[in-house]
N, C-alpha and C. Protein backbone atom coordinates (compact mmCIF):
# COMPACT_ATOMS: atom_id res chain seq x y z
N UNK A 1 0.96 -1.45 0.15
CA UNK A 1 -0.12 0.33 -0.14
C UNK A 1 0.58 1.26 -0.12
N UNK A 2 2.03 1.19 0.39
CA UNK A 2 2.93 2.41 0.88
C UNK A 2 3.79 2.80 0.11
N UNK A 3 4.59 3.73 -0.26
CA UNK A 3 5.72 3.83 -0.30
C UNK A 3 6.93 4.57 0.21
N UNK A 4 8.27 4.27 0.04
CA UNK A 4 9.29 5.02 0.42
C UNK A 4 9.47 6.65 -0.07
N UNK A 5 9.57 7.47 0.25
CA UNK A 5 9.95 8.87 0.04
C UNK A 5 11.00 9.48 0.77
N UNK A 6 11.58 10.52 0.37
CA UNK A 6 12.64 11.47 0.94
C UNK A 6 11.70 12.40 1.46
N UNK A 7 12.18 12.56 2.88
CA UNK A 7 12.15 14.28 3.57
C UNK A 7 13.19 14.42 3.26
N UNK A 8 13.23 16.56 4.06
CA UNK A 8 14.10 16.87 4.29
C UNK A 8 13.97 17.85 5.44
N UNK A 9 15.10 17.90 6.40
CA UNK A 9 14.65 18.46 7.12
C UNK A 9 15.01 19.86 7.41
N UNK A 10 14.99 20.58 8.39
CA UNK A 10 14.79 21.97 8.30
C UNK A 10 16.85 22.37 8.36
N UNK A 11 17.81 21.32 8.27
CA UNK A 11 18.83 21.90 8.68
C UNK A 11 19.59 20.98 6.81
N UNK A 12 18.68 20.68 6.21
CA UNK A 12 19.04 20.35 5.02
C UNK A 12 19.36 18.61 4.98
N UNK A 13 19.45 17.98 5.82
CA UNK A 13 19.63 16.51 6.32
C UNK A 13 18.05 15.78 5.62
N UNK A 14 18.52 14.89 4.32
CA UNK A 14 17.54 14.18 3.63
C UNK A 14 17.68 13.11 4.66
N UNK A 15 16.27 12.48 4.76
CA UNK A 15 15.82 11.37 5.28
C UNK A 15 14.82 10.31 4.58
N UNK A 16 14.83 9.20 4.60
CA UNK A 16 14.19 8.36 4.30
C UNK A 16 12.52 8.29 4.95
N UNK A 17 11.53 7.74 4.53
CA UNK A 17 9.95 7.78 5.14
C UNK A 17 9.15 6.70 4.47
N UNK A 18 8.45 6.35 4.74
CA UNK A 18 7.00 5.24 4.50
C UNK A 18 6.14 6.26 4.87
N UNK A 19 5.54 5.83 3.48
CA UNK A 19 3.95 6.72 3.39
C UNK A 19 2.84 5.95 3.20
N UNK A 20 1.89 6.03 3.53
CA UNK A 20 0.64 5.44 2.90
C UNK A 20 -0.59 6.15 3.20
N UNK A 21 -1.24 5.95 1.77
CA UNK A 21 -2.37 7.40 1.02
C UNK A 21 -3.30 6.10 1.47
N UNK A 22 -4.69 6.78 2.10
CA UNK A 22 -5.87 5.96 1.70
C UNK A 22 -6.75 5.88 0.28
N UNK A 23 -7.38 5.17 0.44
CA UNK A 23 -7.83 4.71 -1.21
C UNK A 23 -8.65 5.62 -1.36
N UNK A 24 -9.92 6.66 -0.37
CA UNK A 24 -10.09 7.90 -0.96
C UNK A 24 -9.59 9.01 -0.58
N UNK A 25 -10.38 10.05 -0.68
CA UNK A 25 -9.50 11.82 -0.28
C UNK A 25 -9.40 11.33 1.14
N UNK A 26 -8.48 11.66 1.89
CA UNK A 26 -7.79 11.36 3.48
C UNK A 26 -8.77 12.26 3.90
N UNK A 27 -8.90 12.18 5.70
CA UNK A 27 -9.83 12.81 6.21
C UNK A 27 -9.08 13.85 7.14
N UNK A 28 -7.49 12.93 7.66
CA UNK A 28 -6.24 13.61 8.17
C UNK A 28 -5.18 13.44 8.21
N UNK A 29 -4.19 13.33 8.47
CA UNK A 29 -2.79 12.87 8.38
C UNK A 29 -2.18 12.73 9.61
N UNK A 30 -1.48 11.29 9.54
CA UNK A 30 -0.99 11.29 11.14
C UNK A 30 0.52 10.50 10.98
N UNK A 31 1.64 11.00 11.72
CA UNK A 31 2.66 10.96 11.98
C UNK A 31 3.23 9.62 12.70
N UNK A 32 3.99 8.48 12.35
CA UNK A 32 3.66 7.67 13.01
C UNK A 32 5.72 7.46 13.13
N UNK A 33 6.25 7.69 14.57
CA UNK A 33 7.17 7.60 15.05
C UNK A 33 7.84 6.44 15.52
N UNK A 34 8.75 5.67 15.36
CA UNK A 34 9.10 4.27 15.28
C UNK A 34 10.03 3.84 16.12
N UNK A 35 9.85 2.71 16.82
CA UNK A 35 10.66 2.39 18.02
C UNK A 35 11.52 2.22 17.70
N UNK A 36 12.87 1.77 18.59
CA UNK A 36 14.47 1.62 18.36
C UNK A 36 14.79 0.59 17.26
N UNK A 37 13.68 0.24 16.78
CA UNK A 37 14.19 -0.90 15.65
C UNK A 37 13.57 -0.61 13.86
N UNK A 38 14.07 0.72 13.94
CA UNK A 38 13.68 1.41 12.44
C UNK A 38 12.21 1.35 12.34
N UNK A 39 12.19 1.81 11.04
CA UNK A 39 11.33 2.06 10.26
C UNK A 39 10.64 0.06 9.87
N UNK A 40 10.08 -0.65 10.60
CA UNK A 40 10.26 -2.10 10.47
C UNK A 40 8.90 -2.41 9.97
N UNK A 41 8.69 -3.96 9.70
CA UNK A 41 7.27 -4.49 9.11
C UNK A 41 6.00 -3.78 10.18
N UNK A 42 6.56 -3.58 10.90
CA UNK A 42 5.69 -3.53 12.22
C UNK A 42 5.02 -1.85 12.28
N UNK A 43 6.15 -0.90 12.13
CA UNK A 43 5.63 0.62 11.72
C UNK A 43 5.06 0.81 10.49
N UNK A 44 5.29 -0.29 9.10
CA UNK A 44 4.99 0.10 7.99
C UNK A 44 3.66 -0.23 8.09
N UNK A 45 3.41 -1.11 9.07
CA UNK A 45 1.98 -2.11 9.13
C UNK A 45 0.72 -1.10 10.22
N UNK A 46 1.70 -0.46 10.67
CA UNK A 46 0.50 0.72 11.45
C UNK A 46 0.16 1.59 10.38
N UNK A 47 1.29 2.02 9.53
CA UNK A 47 1.05 2.79 8.81
C UNK A 47 -0.16 2.74 8.01
N UNK A 48 -0.05 1.22 7.07
CA UNK A 48 -1.08 0.74 5.79
C UNK A 48 -2.43 0.72 7.00
N UNK A 49 -2.46 0.48 7.83
CA UNK A 49 -4.12 0.15 9.12
C UNK A 49 -4.37 1.38 9.17
N UNK A 50 -3.67 2.60 9.57
CA UNK A 50 -4.09 4.12 9.48
C UNK A 50 -4.44 4.64 8.27
N UNK A 51 -3.94 4.32 6.74
CA UNK A 51 -4.77 4.59 5.82
C UNK A 51 -6.33 3.72 5.29
N UNK A 52 -5.97 2.68 6.22
CA UNK A 52 -7.22 1.71 5.51
C UNK A 52 -8.23 2.50 6.69
N UNK A 53 -7.90 3.11 7.64
CA UNK A 53 -9.16 4.26 8.38
C UNK A 53 -9.44 6.08 7.70
N UNK A 54 -8.78 6.12 6.63
CA UNK A 54 -8.84 7.28 5.78
C UNK A 54 -7.74 7.96 6.22
N UNK A 55 -6.29 7.68 7.19
CA UNK A 55 -5.69 8.71 7.10
C UNK A 55 -4.44 8.64 6.39
N UNK A 56 -3.90 9.86 5.71
CA UNK A 56 -2.55 9.89 5.58
C UNK A 56 -1.23 9.24 6.65
N UNK A 57 -0.94 8.55 6.20
CA UNK A 57 -0.19 8.17 7.80
C UNK A 57 1.71 8.15 6.84
N UNK A 58 2.42 8.86 7.62
CA UNK A 58 3.98 8.97 7.40
C UNK A 58 5.25 8.29 8.64
N UNK A 59 5.82 7.59 8.34
CA UNK A 59 6.98 6.92 9.31
C UNK A 59 8.36 7.61 9.12
N UNK A 60 8.83 8.74 9.20
CA UNK A 60 9.68 9.14 8.89
C UNK A 60 11.28 8.20 9.67
N UNK A 61 12.40 7.95 8.62
CA UNK A 61 13.32 6.86 9.64
C UNK A 61 14.44 8.16 10.49
N UNK A 62 13.79 7.70 11.57
CA UNK A 62 14.69 8.90 12.61
C UNK A 62 16.20 8.31 12.95
N UNK A 63 16.64 6.88 12.37
CA UNK A 63 17.63 6.85 12.33
C UNK A 63 18.78 6.67 11.39
N UNK A 64 17.91 7.73 10.54
CA UNK A 64 19.02 7.67 8.85
C UNK A 64 20.09 8.78 9.07
N UNK A 65 20.13 9.04 10.33
CA UNK A 65 21.69 10.15 10.44
C UNK A 65 22.21 9.20 11.48
N UNK A 66 21.93 8.32 11.84
CA UNK A 66 22.97 7.67 12.25
C UNK A 66 23.36 5.37 11.34
N UNK A 67 22.73 5.44 10.87
CA UNK A 67 22.55 4.33 9.67
C UNK A 67 21.11 4.96 8.79
N UNK A 68 21.61 5.13 7.68
CA UNK A 68 20.41 4.89 6.73
C UNK A 68 20.21 3.58 6.67
N UNK A 69 18.93 3.29 6.62
CA UNK A 69 17.63 2.50 6.25
C UNK A 69 18.14 1.16 7.38
N UNK A 70 17.96 2.07 8.52
CA UNK A 70 18.79 0.64 9.14
C UNK A 70 16.47 0.51 9.88
N UNK A 71 16.80 -1.27 9.52
CA UNK A 71 15.42 -1.96 10.49
C UNK A 71 15.89 -3.73 11.18
N UNK A 72 15.28 -3.34 12.41
CA UNK A 72 15.52 -4.42 13.08
C UNK A 72 14.15 -5.64 12.86
N UNK A 73 14.75 -6.79 13.93
CA UNK A 73 13.39 -7.48 14.21
C UNK A 73 13.32 -7.51 15.99
N UNK A 74 13.27 -8.38 16.80
CA UNK A 74 12.59 -8.47 17.97
C UNK A 74 13.74 -9.74 18.61
N UNK A 75 14.55 -10.30 17.55
CA UNK A 75 15.11 -11.70 18.50
C UNK A 75 16.38 -10.80 19.88
N UNK A 76 16.40 -11.40 20.57
CA UNK A 76 17.64 -10.81 21.66
C UNK A 76 18.72 -10.35 21.47
N UNK A 77 19.19 -10.93 20.24
CA UNK A 77 20.51 -10.06 19.18
C UNK A 77 20.37 -9.38 18.57
N UNK A 78 18.93 -8.78 17.74
CA UNK A 78 18.77 -7.90 17.82
C UNK A 78 18.35 -6.73 18.23
N UNK A 79 17.87 -6.84 19.43
CA UNK A 79 17.17 -5.98 20.23
C UNK A 79 18.81 -5.33 21.36
N UNK A 80 19.67 -6.06 21.35
CA UNK A 80 20.86 -5.60 21.75
C UNK A 80 21.71 -4.88 21.03
N UNK A 81 21.39 -5.16 19.56
CA UNK A 81 22.19 -3.91 18.20
C UNK A 81 20.98 -2.75 18.13
N UNK A 82 20.04 -2.91 18.09
CA UNK A 82 19.23 -1.47 18.29
C UNK A 82 19.48 -0.48 19.27
N UNK A 83 19.95 -1.45 20.66
CA UNK A 83 19.70 -0.22 22.07
C UNK A 83 21.06 0.41 21.65
N UNK A 84 22.02 0.42 20.36
CA UNK A 84 23.12 1.35 20.64
C UNK A 84 23.06 2.84 20.12
N UNK A 85 21.69 2.74 19.24
CA UNK A 85 21.01 4.03 18.92
C UNK A 85 20.30 4.65 19.68
N UNK A 86 20.25 4.38 20.76
CA UNK A 86 19.72 5.33 21.78
C UNK A 86 20.45 4.95 23.05
N UNK A 87 21.90 5.08 23.06
CA UNK A 87 22.60 5.37 23.89
C UNK A 87 23.01 6.87 24.52
N UNK A 88 22.59 7.65 22.94
CA UNK A 88 23.05 9.20 23.57
C UNK A 88 22.36 9.77 22.46
N UNK A 89 20.96 9.79 23.02
CA UNK A 89 19.66 9.90 22.07
C UNK A 89 19.90 12.14 21.61
N UNK A 90 20.24 11.54 20.22
CA UNK A 90 20.02 13.54 19.68
C UNK A 90 18.65 13.49 19.65
N UNK A 91 18.16 14.60 20.71
CA UNK A 91 16.40 14.33 20.67
C UNK A 91 16.32 15.94 19.53
N UNK A 92 16.86 17.10 19.73
CA UNK A 92 16.74 17.77 18.69
C UNK A 92 16.91 17.52 17.17
N UNK A 93 17.85 16.66 16.76
CA UNK A 93 17.88 15.46 15.89
C UNK A 93 16.35 15.20 14.86
N UNK A 94 15.74 14.25 16.11
CA UNK A 94 14.78 13.11 15.98
C UNK A 94 13.61 14.23 15.63
N UNK A 95 13.41 15.19 16.49
CA UNK A 95 12.50 16.27 16.12
C UNK A 95 12.62 17.33 15.39
N UNK A 96 13.69 17.21 14.52
CA UNK A 96 14.08 18.11 13.15
C UNK A 96 13.26 17.15 12.40
N UNK A 97 13.45 16.00 12.48
CA UNK A 97 12.96 14.98 11.23
C UNK A 97 11.47 14.85 11.32
N UNK A 98 10.79 15.01 12.52
CA UNK A 98 9.51 14.90 12.83
C UNK A 98 8.99 15.76 12.18
N UNK A 99 9.86 16.84 12.40
CA UNK A 99 8.86 17.85 11.95
C UNK A 99 8.76 18.39 10.02
N UNK A 100 9.99 17.42 9.91
CA UNK A 100 10.03 17.17 8.16
C UNK A 100 8.33 16.60 7.93
N UNK A 101 8.41 15.12 8.59
CA UNK A 101 7.32 14.46 8.52
C UNK A 101 6.16 15.15 8.39
N UNK A 102 5.94 16.01 9.86
CA UNK A 102 4.81 17.19 9.53
C UNK A 102 4.30 17.82 8.83
N UNK A 103 5.14 18.73 8.40
CA UNK A 103 5.21 19.39 6.73
C UNK A 103 4.82 18.56 5.35
N UNK A 104 5.55 17.61 5.59
CA UNK A 104 5.22 16.78 4.54
C UNK A 104 3.66 16.43 4.29
N UNK A 105 2.86 15.95 5.34
CA UNK A 105 1.47 15.99 5.04
C UNK A 105 0.40 16.69 5.45
N UNK A 106 1.05 18.18 6.08
CA UNK A 106 -0.25 19.14 6.60
C UNK A 106 -1.09 19.19 5.40
N UNK A 107 -0.87 19.14 4.07
CA UNK A 107 -1.98 19.82 3.04
C UNK A 107 -3.30 18.45 3.28
N UNK A 108 -2.92 17.08 3.98
CA UNK A 108 -4.31 16.67 3.98
C UNK A 108 -4.88 16.74 4.84
N UNK A 109 -4.91 17.92 5.73
CA UNK A 109 -5.60 17.97 7.09
C UNK A 109 -4.90 18.23 7.97
N UNK A 110 -5.73 18.02 9.01
CA UNK A 110 -5.09 18.29 10.73
C UNK A 110 -4.33 16.95 10.57
N UNK A 111 -2.90 17.17 11.49
CA UNK A 111 -1.82 16.31 11.68
C UNK A 111 -1.98 16.19 13.08
N UNK A 112 -1.77 14.53 13.45
CA UNK A 112 -1.63 13.72 14.76
C UNK A 112 -0.89 13.21 14.42
N UNK A 113 -0.05 12.75 15.51
CA UNK A 113 1.19 11.60 15.59
C UNK A 113 1.08 10.91 16.87
N UNK A 114 1.44 9.72 16.26
CA UNK A 114 1.36 8.49 17.20
C UNK A 114 2.96 7.91 17.07
N UNK A 115 3.35 7.09 18.74
CA UNK A 115 4.77 6.94 18.37
C UNK A 115 4.57 5.55 19.26
N UNK A 116 5.63 4.31 19.35
CA UNK A 116 5.91 3.44 20.07
C UNK A 116 7.49 3.32 20.75
N UNK A 117 7.29 3.44 22.21
CA UNK A 117 8.69 3.06 22.67
C UNK A 117 9.70 4.20 22.27
N UNK A 118 10.46 4.35 22.30
CA UNK A 118 11.19 5.40 21.70
C UNK A 118 10.53 6.28 21.17
N UNK A 119 9.63 6.18 19.95
CA UNK A 119 8.81 7.07 19.33
C UNK A 119 7.84 7.77 20.22
N UNK A 120 7.70 6.71 21.31
CA UNK A 120 6.55 7.19 22.29
C UNK A 120 6.60 8.51 22.98
N UNK A 121 8.29 8.64 23.43
CA UNK A 121 8.77 10.06 23.98
C UNK A 121 9.36 11.01 22.83
N UNK A 122 9.19 10.61 21.54
CA UNK A 122 9.67 11.56 20.72
C UNK A 122 8.58 12.06 20.05
N UNK A 123 7.12 11.31 20.24
CA UNK A 123 5.92 12.03 20.32
C UNK A 123 5.60 13.12 21.15
N UNK A 124 5.59 12.53 22.60
CA UNK A 124 5.45 13.61 23.73
C UNK A 124 6.11 14.77 23.62
N UNK A 125 7.55 15.03 23.08
CA UNK A 125 8.21 15.86 23.17
C UNK A 125 7.99 16.86 21.94
N UNK A 126 7.54 16.09 20.98
CA UNK A 126 6.82 16.78 19.38
C UNK A 126 5.32 17.51 20.20
N UNK A 127 4.56 16.97 20.73
CA UNK A 127 3.84 17.51 21.46
C UNK A 127 3.94 18.72 21.96
N UNK A 128 4.90 19.28 22.56
CA UNK A 128 5.54 20.25 23.70
C UNK A 128 6.34 21.05 22.50
N UNK A 129 6.65 20.58 21.56
CA UNK A 129 7.97 21.50 20.95
C UNK A 129 7.96 22.23 19.67
N UNK A 130 6.90 21.05 18.79
CA UNK A 130 6.72 21.52 17.33
C UNK A 130 5.49 21.91 17.09
N UNK A 131 5.17 22.24 15.74
CA UNK A 131 4.35 23.17 15.00
C UNK A 131 3.12 22.13 14.36
N UNK A 132 2.45 22.49 13.93
CA UNK A 132 1.13 21.77 12.76
C UNK A 132 0.80 20.70 13.48
N UNK A 133 0.95 19.67 14.75
CA UNK A 133 -0.25 19.13 14.99
C UNK A 133 -1.08 19.36 16.05
N UNK A 134 -1.66 18.67 15.71
CA UNK A 134 -3.73 18.90 16.17
C UNK A 134 -3.78 17.84 17.33
N UNK A 135 -2.76 16.50 17.41
CA UNK A 135 -3.60 15.61 18.37
C UNK A 135 -1.81 14.61 18.73
N UNK A 136 -1.85 14.38 19.98
CA UNK A 136 -0.80 13.21 20.08
C UNK A 136 -0.89 11.81 20.96
N UNK A 137 -0.58 11.27 20.72
CA UNK A 137 -0.97 9.38 21.13
C UNK A 137 0.82 8.80 21.02
N UNK A 138 1.01 8.67 22.37
CA UNK A 138 2.00 8.19 23.08
C UNK A 138 1.78 6.23 23.28
N UNK A 139 3.25 5.64 22.86
CA UNK A 139 2.88 4.35 23.32
C UNK A 139 3.95 4.18 24.46
N UNK A 140 4.10 3.37 25.76
CA UNK A 140 5.21 3.23 26.47
C UNK A 140 6.47 3.68 26.03
N UNK A 141 6.39 5.25 25.80
CA UNK A 141 7.91 6.17 26.09
C UNK A 141 8.47 6.05 27.20
N UNK A 142 9.39 5.75 27.21
CA UNK A 142 10.42 5.71 28.96
C UNK A 142 10.87 7.14 29.23
N UNK A 143 10.95 7.92 28.29
CA UNK A 143 11.38 8.76 28.52
C UNK A 143 10.42 10.25 28.80
N UNK A 144 9.10 9.96 28.38
CA UNK A 144 8.24 10.61 28.41
C UNK A 144 8.41 11.32 30.50
N UNK A 145 8.40 10.54 31.40
CA UNK A 145 8.28 11.20 32.52
C UNK A 145 9.54 12.38 32.97
N UNK A 146 10.66 12.32 32.11
CA UNK A 146 12.25 12.87 32.28
C UNK A 146 11.24 15.05 31.11
N UNK A 147 10.30 14.41 30.34
CA UNK A 147 9.95 15.67 29.37
C UNK A 147 8.90 16.13 30.06
N UNK A 148 8.16 15.72 31.36
CA UNK A 148 6.95 15.90 31.90
C UNK A 148 6.68 17.05 32.51
N UNK A 149 7.54 17.90 32.73
CA UNK A 149 7.51 18.84 33.23
C UNK A 149 7.09 20.35 32.07
N UNK A 150 7.22 19.73 30.80
CA UNK A 150 7.01 20.31 29.32
C UNK A 150 5.21 20.21 28.95
N UNK A 151 4.63 20.63 29.17
CA UNK A 151 3.03 21.15 29.10
C UNK A 151 3.01 20.95 26.95
N UNK A 152 2.32 19.67 26.81
CA UNK A 152 1.79 19.39 25.25
C UNK A 152 1.28 20.86 25.18
N UNK A 153 0.84 21.09 23.29
CA UNK A 153 0.28 22.21 23.51
C UNK A 153 -0.78 21.76 22.31
N UNK A 154 -0.97 20.37 22.48
CA UNK A 154 -1.89 19.92 21.93
C UNK A 154 -2.73 18.71 22.52
N UNK A 155 -3.77 18.22 22.29
CA UNK A 155 -4.39 17.21 23.21
C UNK A 155 -3.56 15.94 23.26
N UNK A 156 -3.39 15.24 24.16
CA UNK A 156 -2.44 14.18 24.61
C UNK A 156 -2.66 12.88 25.02
N UNK A 157 -2.16 11.97 24.38
CA UNK A 157 -3.03 10.24 24.80
C UNK A 157 -2.03 9.29 25.13
N UNK A 158 -1.80 9.20 26.59
CA UNK A 158 -0.27 7.86 26.85
C UNK A 158 -0.66 6.80 27.19
N UNK A 159 -0.23 5.63 26.51
CA UNK A 159 -0.45 4.33 27.11
C UNK A 159 0.94 3.43 27.83
N UNK A 160 0.49 3.24 28.90
CA UNK A 160 1.57 2.36 29.43
C UNK A 160 1.18 1.13 29.65
N UNK A 161 2.25 0.02 30.05
CA UNK A 161 1.98 -1.10 30.56
C UNK A 161 2.68 -1.48 31.59
N UNK A 162 0.73 -2.55 32.60
CA UNK A 162 1.66 -2.41 33.72
C UNK A 162 2.52 -2.71 34.44
N UNK A 163 2.86 -3.51 33.44
CA UNK A 163 4.28 -4.66 33.77
C UNK A 163 5.58 -4.41 33.22
N UNK A 164 5.29 -3.02 32.90
CA UNK A 164 6.42 -2.35 31.82
C UNK A 164 8.28 -2.70 32.62
N UNK A 165 8.85 -3.41 32.55
CA UNK A 165 9.92 -3.28 33.25
C UNK A 165 10.95 -2.28 33.00
N UNK A 166 10.83 -1.49 32.29
CA UNK A 166 11.79 -0.02 32.14
C UNK A 166 10.83 1.21 32.50
N UNK A 167 9.59 1.12 32.42
CA UNK A 167 8.89 1.88 32.69
C UNK A 167 7.66 2.07 34.16
N UNK A 168 8.24 2.06 35.09
CA UNK A 168 7.73 1.66 36.86
C UNK A 168 6.76 2.57 36.55
N UNK A 169 5.74 2.16 37.76
CA UNK A 169 4.24 2.47 37.25
C UNK A 169 4.66 4.12 38.36
N UNK A 170 5.59 4.01 39.20
CA UNK A 170 5.84 5.37 39.80
C UNK A 170 6.43 6.46 38.58
N UNK A 171 6.93 6.31 37.89
CA UNK A 171 7.01 7.16 36.86
C UNK A 171 5.68 7.22 36.08
N UNK A 172 4.61 6.88 35.72
CA UNK A 172 3.34 6.84 35.39
C UNK A 172 2.45 7.51 36.24
N UNK A 173 2.88 7.50 37.88
CA UNK A 173 1.98 8.33 38.46
C UNK A 173 2.78 9.51 38.38
N UNK A 174 3.79 9.97 37.91
CA UNK A 174 4.75 11.45 38.11
C UNK A 174 4.13 12.30 37.06
N UNK A 175 4.07 11.64 35.55
CA UNK A 175 3.19 12.01 34.46
C UNK A 175 2.20 12.22 34.71
N UNK A 176 1.29 11.42 35.52
CA UNK A 176 -0.83 12.21 35.53
C UNK A 176 -0.57 13.26 37.06
N UNK A 177 0.59 13.36 37.56
CA UNK A 177 0.47 14.14 38.80
C UNK A 177 0.98 15.65 38.17
N UNK A 178 2.22 15.61 37.11
CA UNK A 178 2.48 16.58 36.58
C UNK A 178 1.62 17.25 35.15
N UNK A 179 0.88 16.37 34.51
CA UNK A 179 0.37 17.00 33.67
C UNK A 179 -1.59 15.88 33.14
N UNK A 180 -1.80 16.49 34.47
CA UNK A 180 -3.64 16.15 34.69
C UNK A 180 -4.37 16.39 33.71
N UNK A 181 -3.51 16.81 32.64
CA UNK A 181 -4.55 17.42 30.85
C UNK A 181 -4.14 16.39 30.21
N UNK A 182 -3.24 15.02 30.44
CA UNK A 182 -3.12 14.41 29.60
C UNK A 182 -3.99 13.00 30.06
N UNK A 183 -4.29 12.58 28.88
CA UNK A 183 -5.19 11.51 28.64
C UNK A 183 -4.32 10.31 29.14
N UNK A 184 -3.98 9.75 30.16
CA UNK A 184 -3.38 7.94 30.63
C UNK A 184 -3.91 7.02 30.73
N UNK A 185 -3.19 5.82 30.08
CA UNK A 185 -3.80 4.62 30.22
C UNK A 185 -3.00 3.76 30.43
N UNK A 186 -3.50 2.68 31.59
CA UNK A 186 -2.78 1.83 31.84
C UNK A 186 -3.17 0.60 31.70
N UNK A 187 -2.15 -0.69 31.52
CA UNK A 187 -3.25 -1.99 30.88
C UNK A 187 -2.50 -2.65 31.56
N UNK A 188 -3.27 -3.72 32.34
CA UNK A 188 -3.33 -4.90 33.52
C UNK A 188 -2.49 -5.29 32.96
N UNK A 189 -1.57 -6.31 33.44
CA UNK A 189 -0.99 -7.69 33.08
C UNK A 189 -0.01 -6.99 31.90
N UNK A 190 -0.18 -5.94 31.27
CA UNK A 190 0.97 -5.76 30.10
C UNK A 190 2.50 -5.67 30.07
N UNK A 191 3.28 -5.73 29.60
CA UNK A 191 4.36 -5.26 29.61
C UNK A 191 4.54 -4.32 28.27
N UNK A 192 5.78 -4.09 28.33
CA UNK A 192 6.53 -2.76 27.12
C UNK A 192 6.26 -3.60 25.60
N UNK A 193 5.98 -3.14 25.04
CA UNK A 193 6.01 -3.72 23.39
C UNK A 193 4.75 -4.14 23.21
N UNK A 194 3.42 -3.90 24.16
CA UNK A 194 2.27 -4.84 24.61
C UNK A 194 1.59 -4.59 22.89
N UNK A 195 2.04 -3.66 22.32
CA UNK A 195 1.11 -2.76 21.28
C UNK A 195 1.57 -3.62 19.78
N UNK A 196 2.69 -4.31 20.03
CA UNK A 196 3.34 -4.83 18.49
C UNK A 196 3.35 -6.40 18.66
N UNK A 197 2.62 -7.03 17.83
CA UNK A 197 1.94 -8.21 17.39
C UNK A 197 3.30 -8.92 16.82
N UNK A 198 4.45 -8.43 16.67
CA UNK A 198 5.96 -9.15 16.30
C UNK A 198 6.77 -9.15 17.52
N UNK A 199 6.28 -9.12 18.57
CA UNK A 199 6.90 -9.00 19.82
C UNK A 199 6.50 -9.84 20.94
N UNK A 200 7.21 -10.66 21.60
CA UNK A 200 7.30 -11.82 22.75
C UNK A 200 6.20 -11.33 23.60
N UNK A 201 6.26 -9.70 23.68
CA UNK A 201 5.47 -9.39 24.98
C UNK A 201 4.17 -8.78 24.41
N UNK A 202 3.09 -9.05 23.23
CA UNK A 202 2.30 -8.79 22.54
C UNK A 202 1.23 -9.10 23.48
N UNK A 203 0.23 -8.57 23.55
CA UNK A 203 -1.01 -8.43 24.24
C UNK A 203 -2.10 -7.96 23.61
N UNK A 204 -2.73 -8.81 22.93
CA UNK A 204 -3.99 -8.28 22.13
C UNK A 204 -4.67 -7.73 22.43
N UNK A 205 -5.69 -8.36 23.62
CA UNK A 205 -6.62 -7.42 24.45
C UNK A 205 -6.01 -6.41 24.58
N UNK A 206 -4.91 -5.88 25.33
CA UNK A 206 -4.78 -4.53 25.57
C UNK A 206 -4.52 -3.69 24.48
N UNK A 207 -3.81 -4.29 23.66
CA UNK A 207 -3.12 -3.74 22.35
C UNK A 207 -4.82 -3.42 21.23
N UNK A 208 -5.48 -3.97 21.13
CA UNK A 208 -6.79 -3.76 20.64
C UNK A 208 -7.50 -2.92 21.63
N UNK A 209 -7.43 -2.49 22.65
CA UNK A 209 -8.11 -1.93 23.40
C UNK A 209 -7.36 -0.37 23.27
N UNK A 210 -6.08 0.05 23.47
CA UNK A 210 -5.50 1.22 23.07
C UNK A 210 -5.50 1.57 21.67
N UNK A 211 -5.71 0.57 20.55
CA UNK A 211 -5.99 0.92 18.75
C UNK A 211 -7.26 1.79 19.17
N UNK A 212 -8.18 1.09 19.63
CA UNK A 212 -9.46 1.67 19.65
C UNK A 212 -9.56 3.03 20.28
N UNK A 213 -9.15 3.21 21.14
CA UNK A 213 -8.71 4.40 22.25
C UNK A 213 -7.98 5.61 21.52
N UNK A 214 -6.94 4.94 20.99
CA UNK A 214 -6.10 5.85 19.51
C UNK A 214 -7.08 6.75 18.51
N UNK A 215 -7.71 5.37 17.68
CA UNK A 215 -8.13 5.97 16.97
C UNK A 215 -9.67 6.21 17.31
N UNK A 216 -10.48 6.83 18.65
CA UNK A 216 -11.37 7.22 18.79
C UNK A 216 -10.60 8.70 19.37
N UNK A 217 -9.69 8.82 20.02
CA UNK A 217 -9.20 10.02 20.26
C UNK A 217 -8.95 10.91 19.09
N UNK A 218 -8.26 10.45 18.02
CA UNK A 218 -7.83 10.87 16.09
C UNK A 218 -8.57 11.57 16.33
N UNK A 219 -9.75 10.66 15.96
CA UNK A 219 -11.55 10.92 15.68
C UNK A 219 -11.80 12.31 16.01
N UNK A 220 -11.50 12.08 17.60
CA UNK A 220 -12.25 13.66 18.16
C UNK A 220 -11.52 14.93 17.65
N UNK A 221 -10.01 14.46 17.42
CA UNK A 221 -9.12 15.53 17.38
C UNK A 221 -8.59 16.20 15.97
N UNK A 222 -8.85 15.30 14.88
CA UNK A 222 -8.43 15.76 13.89
C UNK A 222 -9.59 16.14 12.91
N UNK A 223 -10.28 17.31 13.23
CA UNK A 223 -11.22 17.55 12.52
C UNK A 223 -11.08 18.44 11.45
């Protein structure tokens, strides 16, 4: 359904992106921000699913500055390799690349953003710092708690797993306390990555519920 395109960030850097367009006229657009595993089959599938819901969906390859076209699966060895990309994350660079994706689809209508894992953190930062967004949805972003003093400028929804070993519930409670205007959901028994059907931690019931909540949120705010 989708195609690979090239984006140009504000500093002139060119990066890849996967873009999926709906069959009919789009009702809005959604930027999809990857996990640490690149714009892999899971992220492309998210874009395709959003296109089926009537949205233009675009996933910028925010690791292209480090290793162009990086993609990974979810085996323990692949996870170990992927972690190197976030040893010292360049948040300003990732946000520049995210802004390039927002700008590339803003002609389709209101623009939302959704991100997973690392992308969940980037999504929250984007909601506080970038222009052109109308709604933001983040899944299990571990750095959100570090950014929680910054207030999103658009409606924001966050999803966390109760049993996420990398994001303690105390962090989630801190986010709730600092940002009462943000909609936060915690999924009982769910682990990190529960929304990805390619991961061992996939939780179908939690994933389906989170997805329906995400679509409902975008439906309310991308008008």
